[in-house]
Amino acid sequence: MRRVTKTVKGMPATDGAGVKLKRVIGSPQMEMLDPFLMLDEFGSDDPESWIAGFPDHPHRGFETVSIMLDGRVRHGDSVGNKGVIEAGDVQWMTAGRGIVHTEMPERAQGRLRGFQLWVNLPGALKMTAPRYQDLPSARIALAHAEGVSLRIIAGEALGVKGPVDTLIPVRLLLAELGAQAKLELPVPKAHNCFGYVYAGALQSSGTTLAEGTLAVFEDGGGLSIQAGSQGAKVLLCDGMPIGEPVARYGPFVMNTREELMRAFQDYERGVLAS
């Protein structure tokens, strides 16, 4: 089984129009874990910390995955897509060659909580056509083992396949473990793998992972985690590294500085998504 090789705590950050969040991947502690570029956790009972949301902003060259645990977010974009993501829902957006996106939280029971994960794309796919995969909670695949419940967003676990059609090999799971429950999963040898504990605590390869801790698991075999006496909830991700140069700034992620500058120029000219 894979050992824990690194642990990271999220750093306070502000994004959008002043949304307060914790940046777990994409910080000086961990710039990226190929193919994962960024992981943010947002969550507060105080609407003033998130109600300003994320007004119009561009993306090119990667995918964004929004996972809602509590609350509600209304979204729209430059090509006419619009909708609402509620608690339990997931949106997997391929920015591809470019899109201008808006995400505005709404007051829903006074609480907003969730994650946004950025997944890189290889150079051959960076200029692909934008697309959305909006997944209401009822479409998320479920699997169960003793004391363990899995919501499978992408990839396969315990013989169950998630609904997302991924462009690169990626698996994304939300796991809930009861007290002392254990979960073992095979992981492709070449994949990078991490787990982020967002409730309770875990043990893995002799390392205790408290709430708010991300663990990177070494290359090699499968994954083994065990919950503590209060149980645990964990976001589990693994994916095939792309292994290409990364040129990134703000909302654009390309392979070269020249491609990055072109993205800014296209946005300024109003042709980012054309």
Foldseek 3Di string as FASTA:
>chain_A
DWDFDDKWFFDWDADAPQAIWTKTECDPVHCAQFQWRTKIKGKDLACVNDQNFHAWDKAFFWKKKKAWQAFKKWKAWDVGDTDMAHHQKMKIKQQALMIIMGIGTDQDVSMTITMMIIGGDDQVGRNPAIDMDIGHNVQFDWDDDVQKIKGWQAQDWPHDGHDDDDPFFKTKMKMWGAAFDKDKTWDPQQKWKKKAWQDAWKDFPRDIGGHRMMTTTDGDTIGMMTGHRHTTIMMIMIGHGPPAAWDDDPRYIHRDPVVVVVCVVCVVVVNSND
